[in-house]
């Protein structure tokens, strides 16, 4: 054994792989960011399979999307709150997709 198996990430036993079709092409470029957002367990089903383009405006609005029910949702940033997130910087030679935000 060369030791790589010992260093490999092993998810916890309760981990279940998502079998849904990919929403985006994962061929990332220098200017592409992929954010994986975990909604609360009892979230409205309107949020499932949504793709949103985000662009921070002066008023904190990042983007808007319409759910499957037709209801409109705003994605906002509250600058007064300290974010609890991990930031992943893309690399043109070795892009990596990380875990939860």
N, C-alpha and C. Protein backbone atom coordinates (compact mmCIF):
# COMPACT_ATOMS: atom_id res chain seq x y z
N UNK A 1 0.85 -1.18 0.00
CA UNK A 1 0.00 0.00 0.00
C UNK A 1 0.89 1.24 0.00
N UNK A 2 0.54 2.25 -0.82
CA UNK A 2 1.38 3.43 -0.96
C UNK A 2 1.00 4.58 -0.04
N UNK A 3 0.01 4.41 0.82
CA UNK A 3 -0.38 5.45 1.77
C UNK A 3 -1.47 6.38 1.29
N UNK A 4 -1.79 6.38 -0.01
CA UNK A 4 -2.82 7.30 -0.51
C UNK A 4 -4.20 6.90 -0.01
N UNK A 5 -4.44 5.61 0.21
CA UNK A 5 -5.74 5.18 0.72
C UNK A 5 -5.96 5.68 2.14
N UNK A 6 -4.89 5.77 2.92
CA UNK A 6 -5.00 6.25 4.29
C UNK A 6 -5.35 7.73 4.33
N UNK A 7 -4.92 8.51 3.34
CA UNK A 7 -5.15 9.95 3.32
C UNK A 7 -6.44 10.33 2.60
N UNK A 8 -7.07 9.39 1.92
CA UNK A 8 -8.27 9.69 1.14
C UNK A 8 -9.43 10.05 2.06
N UNK A 9 -10.25 11.00 1.62
CA UNK A 9 -11.42 11.42 2.39
C UNK A 9 -12.45 10.30 2.40
N UNK A 10 -12.98 10.00 3.56
CA UNK A 10 -14.03 9.00 3.69
C UNK A 10 -15.23 9.66 4.35
N UNK A 11 -16.36 9.77 3.63
CA UNK A 11 -17.53 10.42 4.22
C UNK A 11 -18.09 9.60 5.38
N UNK A 12 -18.82 10.26 6.28
CA UNK A 12 -19.42 9.53 7.40
C UNK A 12 -20.45 8.53 6.90
N UNK A 13 -20.79 7.52 7.71
CA UNK A 13 -21.73 6.47 7.28
C UNK A 13 -23.10 7.00 6.86
N UNK A 14 -23.55 8.12 7.45
CA UNK A 14 -24.87 8.65 7.11
C UNK A 14 -24.89 9.43 5.79
N UNK A 15 -23.74 9.64 5.17
CA UNK A 15 -23.64 10.36 3.91
C UNK A 15 -24.36 9.60 2.80
N UNK A 16 -25.17 10.33 2.02
CA UNK A 16 -25.85 9.74 0.87
C UNK A 16 -25.51 10.59 -0.35
N UNK A 17 -25.03 9.95 -1.40
CA UNK A 17 -24.69 10.67 -2.61
C UNK A 17 -25.95 11.12 -3.33
N UNK A 18 -25.95 12.36 -3.80
CA UNK A 18 -27.09 12.90 -4.54
C UNK A 18 -27.10 12.28 -5.93
N UNK A 19 -28.25 11.71 -6.30
CA UNK A 19 -28.35 11.03 -7.60
C UNK A 19 -29.04 11.89 -8.64
N UNK A 20 -29.35 13.16 -8.30
CA UNK A 20 -30.00 14.04 -9.27
C UNK A 20 -29.03 14.41 -10.39
N UNK A 21 -29.58 14.74 -11.54
CA UNK A 21 -28.76 15.17 -12.67
C UNK A 21 -28.08 16.50 -12.34
N UNK A 22 -26.86 16.66 -12.79
CA UNK A 22 -26.10 17.87 -12.53
C UNK A 22 -26.81 19.09 -13.12
N UNK A 23 -26.83 20.20 -12.36
CA UNK A 23 -27.46 21.43 -12.84
C UNK A 23 -26.52 22.26 -13.72
N UNK A 24 -25.24 22.12 -13.48
CA UNK A 24 -24.26 22.94 -14.19
C UNK A 24 -23.15 22.08 -14.75
N UNK A 25 -22.47 22.63 -15.76
CA UNK A 25 -21.29 22.00 -16.31
C UNK A 25 -20.13 22.28 -15.35
N UNK A 26 -19.51 21.25 -14.83
CA UNK A 26 -18.47 21.43 -13.82
C UNK A 26 -17.09 21.70 -14.40
N UNK A 27 -17.01 22.08 -15.67
CA UNK A 27 -15.74 22.51 -16.26
C UNK A 27 -15.54 23.97 -15.89
N UNK A 28 -14.99 24.22 -14.71
CA UNK A 28 -14.86 25.58 -14.19
C UNK A 28 -13.72 26.32 -14.86
N UNK A 29 -13.88 27.65 -14.97
CA UNK A 29 -12.83 28.51 -15.51
C UNK A 29 -12.35 29.43 -14.39
N UNK A 30 -11.39 30.27 -14.69
CA UNK A 30 -10.88 31.20 -13.69
C UNK A 30 -11.96 32.12 -13.14
N UNK A 31 -12.96 32.45 -13.93
CA UNK A 31 -13.98 33.41 -13.52
C UNK A 31 -15.27 32.75 -13.06
N UNK A 32 -15.27 31.45 -12.89
CA UNK A 32 -16.48 30.73 -12.49
C UNK A 32 -16.37 30.29 -11.04
N UNK A 33 -17.43 30.53 -10.28
CA UNK A 33 -17.50 30.04 -8.91
C UNK A 33 -18.74 29.17 -8.80
N UNK A 34 -18.63 28.09 -8.08
CA UNK A 34 -19.77 27.22 -7.82
C UNK A 34 -20.02 27.22 -6.32
N UNK A 35 -21.20 27.67 -5.92
CA UNK A 35 -21.56 27.70 -4.51
C UNK A 35 -22.57 26.60 -4.27
N UNK A 36 -22.32 25.77 -3.29
CA UNK A 36 -23.27 24.75 -2.89
C UNK A 36 -23.90 25.23 -1.60
N UNK A 37 -25.21 25.41 -1.63
CA UNK A 37 -25.92 25.96 -0.48
C UNK A 37 -26.83 24.88 0.07
N UNK A 38 -26.71 24.63 1.36
CA UNK A 38 -27.55 23.63 2.00
C UNK A 38 -28.71 24.35 2.69
N UNK A 39 -29.92 24.08 2.21
CA UNK A 39 -31.12 24.68 2.80
C UNK A 39 -31.51 23.87 4.03
N UNK A 40 -32.28 24.46 4.95
CA UNK A 40 -32.78 23.70 6.11
C UNK A 40 -33.59 22.49 5.64
N UNK A 41 -33.66 21.48 6.50
CA UNK A 41 -34.29 20.21 6.12
C UNK A 41 -35.75 20.38 5.71
N UNK A 42 -36.47 21.31 6.29
CA UNK A 42 -37.89 21.50 5.96
C UNK A 42 -38.11 22.69 5.03
N UNK A 43 -37.18 22.92 4.12
CA UNK A 43 -37.28 24.06 3.20
C UNK A 43 -38.43 23.85 2.20
N UNK A 44 -38.96 24.93 1.66
CA UNK A 44 -39.99 24.80 0.63
C UNK A 44 -39.43 24.06 -0.59
N UNK A 45 -40.19 23.15 -1.19
CA UNK A 45 -39.69 22.39 -2.35
C UNK A 45 -39.42 23.28 -3.57
N UNK A 46 -39.86 24.52 -3.53
CA UNK A 46 -39.60 25.47 -4.62
C UNK A 46 -38.10 25.63 -4.88
N UNK A 47 -37.27 25.41 -3.86
CA UNK A 47 -35.84 25.64 -3.99
C UNK A 47 -35.10 24.52 -4.71
N UNK A 48 -35.71 23.36 -4.83
CA UNK A 48 -35.04 22.22 -5.45
C UNK A 48 -34.69 22.49 -6.91
N UNK A 49 -33.49 22.11 -7.29
CA UNK A 49 -33.01 22.17 -8.68
C UNK A 49 -33.00 23.58 -9.26
N UNK A 50 -32.74 24.59 -8.44
CA UNK A 50 -32.70 25.96 -8.94
C UNK A 50 -31.27 26.36 -9.26
N UNK A 51 -31.11 27.10 -10.34
CA UNK A 51 -29.83 27.68 -10.72
C UNK A 51 -30.02 29.19 -10.71
N UNK A 52 -29.17 29.90 -9.97
CA UNK A 52 -29.33 31.34 -9.80
C UNK A 52 -28.01 32.03 -10.14
N UNK A 53 -28.08 33.07 -10.95
CA UNK A 53 -26.89 33.90 -11.22
C UNK A 53 -26.88 35.01 -10.18
N UNK A 54 -25.75 35.16 -9.49
CA UNK A 54 -25.65 36.15 -8.42
C UNK A 54 -24.73 37.29 -8.83
N UNK A 55 -25.15 38.51 -8.47
CA UNK A 55 -24.36 39.70 -8.73
C UNK A 55 -24.69 40.69 -7.63
N UNK A 56 -23.74 40.98 -6.75
CA UNK A 56 -24.00 41.84 -5.60
C UNK A 56 -24.25 43.28 -6.03
N UNK A 57 -25.40 43.81 -5.63
CA UNK A 57 -25.77 45.20 -5.90
C UNK A 57 -25.59 46.01 -4.62
N UNK A 58 -25.64 47.33 -4.72
CA UNK A 58 -25.44 48.23 -3.58
C UNK A 58 -26.42 47.96 -2.44
N UNK A 59 -27.63 47.51 -2.76
CA UNK A 59 -28.66 47.30 -1.74
C UNK A 59 -28.57 45.92 -1.09
N UNK A 60 -27.57 45.11 -1.44
CA UNK A 60 -27.41 43.79 -0.85
C UNK A 60 -28.10 42.68 -1.61
N UNK A 61 -28.86 43.02 -2.66
CA UNK A 61 -29.54 42.01 -3.46
C UNK A 61 -28.53 41.27 -4.33
N UNK A 62 -28.52 39.95 -4.22
CA UNK A 62 -27.61 39.12 -5.01
C UNK A 62 -28.29 38.55 -6.24
N UNK A 63 -29.56 38.24 -6.14
CA UNK A 63 -30.27 37.66 -7.28
C UNK A 63 -31.70 37.33 -6.91
N UNK A 64 -32.48 37.00 -7.91
CA UNK A 64 -33.89 36.64 -7.73
C UNK A 64 -34.18 35.42 -8.58
N UNK A 65 -35.00 34.53 -8.07
CA UNK A 65 -35.44 33.40 -8.88
C UNK A 65 -36.88 33.06 -8.57
N UNK A 66 -37.55 32.44 -9.52
CA UNK A 66 -38.94 32.01 -9.34
C UNK A 66 -38.94 30.51 -9.11
N UNK A 67 -39.66 30.08 -8.08
CA UNK A 67 -39.77 28.67 -7.77
C UNK A 67 -40.76 27.98 -8.67
N UNK A 68 -40.88 26.67 -8.51
CA UNK A 68 -41.80 25.90 -9.35
C UNK A 68 -43.25 26.28 -9.11
N UNK A 69 -43.55 26.87 -7.95
CA UNK A 69 -44.92 27.31 -7.65
C UNK A 69 -45.23 28.66 -8.28
N UNK A 70 -44.20 29.34 -8.82
CA UNK A 70 -44.37 30.67 -9.39
C UNK A 70 -44.03 31.78 -8.41
N UNK A 71 -43.80 31.43 -7.14
CA UNK A 71 -43.44 32.42 -6.13
C UNK A 71 -42.02 32.91 -6.40
N UNK A 72 -41.78 34.21 -6.20
CA UNK A 72 -40.47 34.81 -6.45
C UNK A 72 -39.68 34.90 -5.14
N UNK A 73 -38.38 34.61 -5.21
CA UNK A 73 -37.50 34.66 -4.04
C UNK A 73 -36.32 35.57 -4.33
N UNK A 74 -35.93 36.37 -3.33
CA UNK A 74 -34.74 37.21 -3.42
C UNK A 74 -33.61 36.55 -2.63
N UNK A 75 -32.41 36.56 -3.17
CA UNK A 75 -31.22 36.12 -2.46
C UNK A 75 -30.48 37.39 -2.08
N UNK A 76 -30.29 37.62 -0.76
CA UNK A 76 -29.72 38.87 -0.29
C UNK A 76 -28.50 38.61 0.58
N UNK A 77 -27.67 39.63 0.72
CA UNK A 77 -26.51 39.59 1.59
C UNK A 77 -26.70 40.63 2.68
N UNK A 78 -26.58 40.22 3.91
CA UNK A 78 -26.66 41.15 5.02
C UNK A 78 -25.24 41.42 5.50
N UNK A 79 -24.70 42.58 5.15
CA UNK A 79 -23.31 42.89 5.47
C UNK A 79 -23.06 43.02 6.96
N UNK A 80 -24.11 43.27 7.75
CA UNK A 80 -23.94 43.40 9.19
C UNK A 80 -23.68 42.04 9.84
N UNK A 81 -24.04 40.97 9.17
CA UNK A 81 -23.83 39.64 9.72
C UNK A 81 -22.47 39.10 9.30
N UNK A 82 -21.81 38.44 10.19
CA UNK A 82 -20.54 37.81 9.86
C UNK A 82 -20.84 36.48 9.18
N UNK A 83 -20.34 36.27 7.97
CA UNK A 83 -20.64 35.02 7.28
C UNK A 83 -19.95 33.84 7.96
N UNK A 84 -20.64 32.72 7.97
CA UNK A 84 -20.08 31.47 8.48
C UNK A 84 -19.90 30.57 7.27
N UNK A 85 -18.81 30.75 6.56
CA UNK A 85 -18.63 30.05 5.29
C UNK A 85 -17.16 29.72 5.07
N UNK A 86 -16.96 28.78 4.20
CA UNK A 86 -15.62 28.45 3.74
C UNK A 86 -15.51 28.91 2.30
N UNK A 87 -14.44 29.61 1.98
CA UNK A 87 -14.27 30.14 0.63
C UNK A 87 -13.30 29.26 -0.13
N UNK A 88 -13.65 28.93 -1.36
CA UNK A 88 -12.80 28.14 -2.23
C UNK A 88 -12.41 29.00 -3.41
N UNK A 89 -11.14 29.17 -3.65
CA UNK A 89 -10.67 29.96 -4.77
C UNK A 89 -10.36 29.05 -5.94
N UNK A 90 -10.92 29.35 -7.13
CA UNK A 90 -10.65 28.50 -8.29
C UNK A 90 -9.22 28.69 -8.79
N UNK A 91 -8.71 27.65 -9.37
CA UNK A 91 -7.38 27.69 -9.97
C UNK A 91 -7.51 27.20 -11.40
N UNK A 92 -6.86 27.88 -12.32
CA UNK A 92 -6.98 27.50 -13.73
C UNK A 92 -6.36 26.14 -14.00
N UNK A 93 -5.46 25.71 -13.14
CA UNK A 93 -4.81 24.41 -13.38
C UNK A 93 -5.37 23.30 -12.52
N UNK A 94 -5.97 23.63 -11.38
CA UNK A 94 -6.42 22.59 -10.47
C UNK A 94 -7.66 23.04 -9.70
N UNK A 95 -8.79 23.20 -10.39
CA UNK A 95 -10.02 23.62 -9.73
C UNK A 95 -10.53 22.50 -8.83
N UNK A 96 -11.01 22.89 -7.66
CA UNK A 96 -11.53 21.90 -6.72
C UNK A 96 -12.91 22.33 -6.26
N UNK A 97 -13.76 21.37 -6.07
CA UNK A 97 -15.09 21.63 -5.56
C UNK A 97 -15.10 21.19 -4.11
N UNK A 98 -15.47 22.09 -3.22
CA UNK A 98 -15.39 21.81 -1.79
C UNK A 98 -16.70 21.36 -1.20
N UNK A 99 -16.73 21.36 0.14
CA UNK A 99 -17.92 20.90 0.83
C UNK A 99 -18.86 22.05 1.14
N UNK A 100 -19.69 21.90 2.15
CA UNK A 100 -20.79 22.82 2.43
C UNK A 100 -20.33 24.20 2.83
N UNK A 101 -21.19 25.18 2.56
CA UNK A 101 -20.99 26.55 3.01
C UNK A 101 -21.76 26.75 4.28
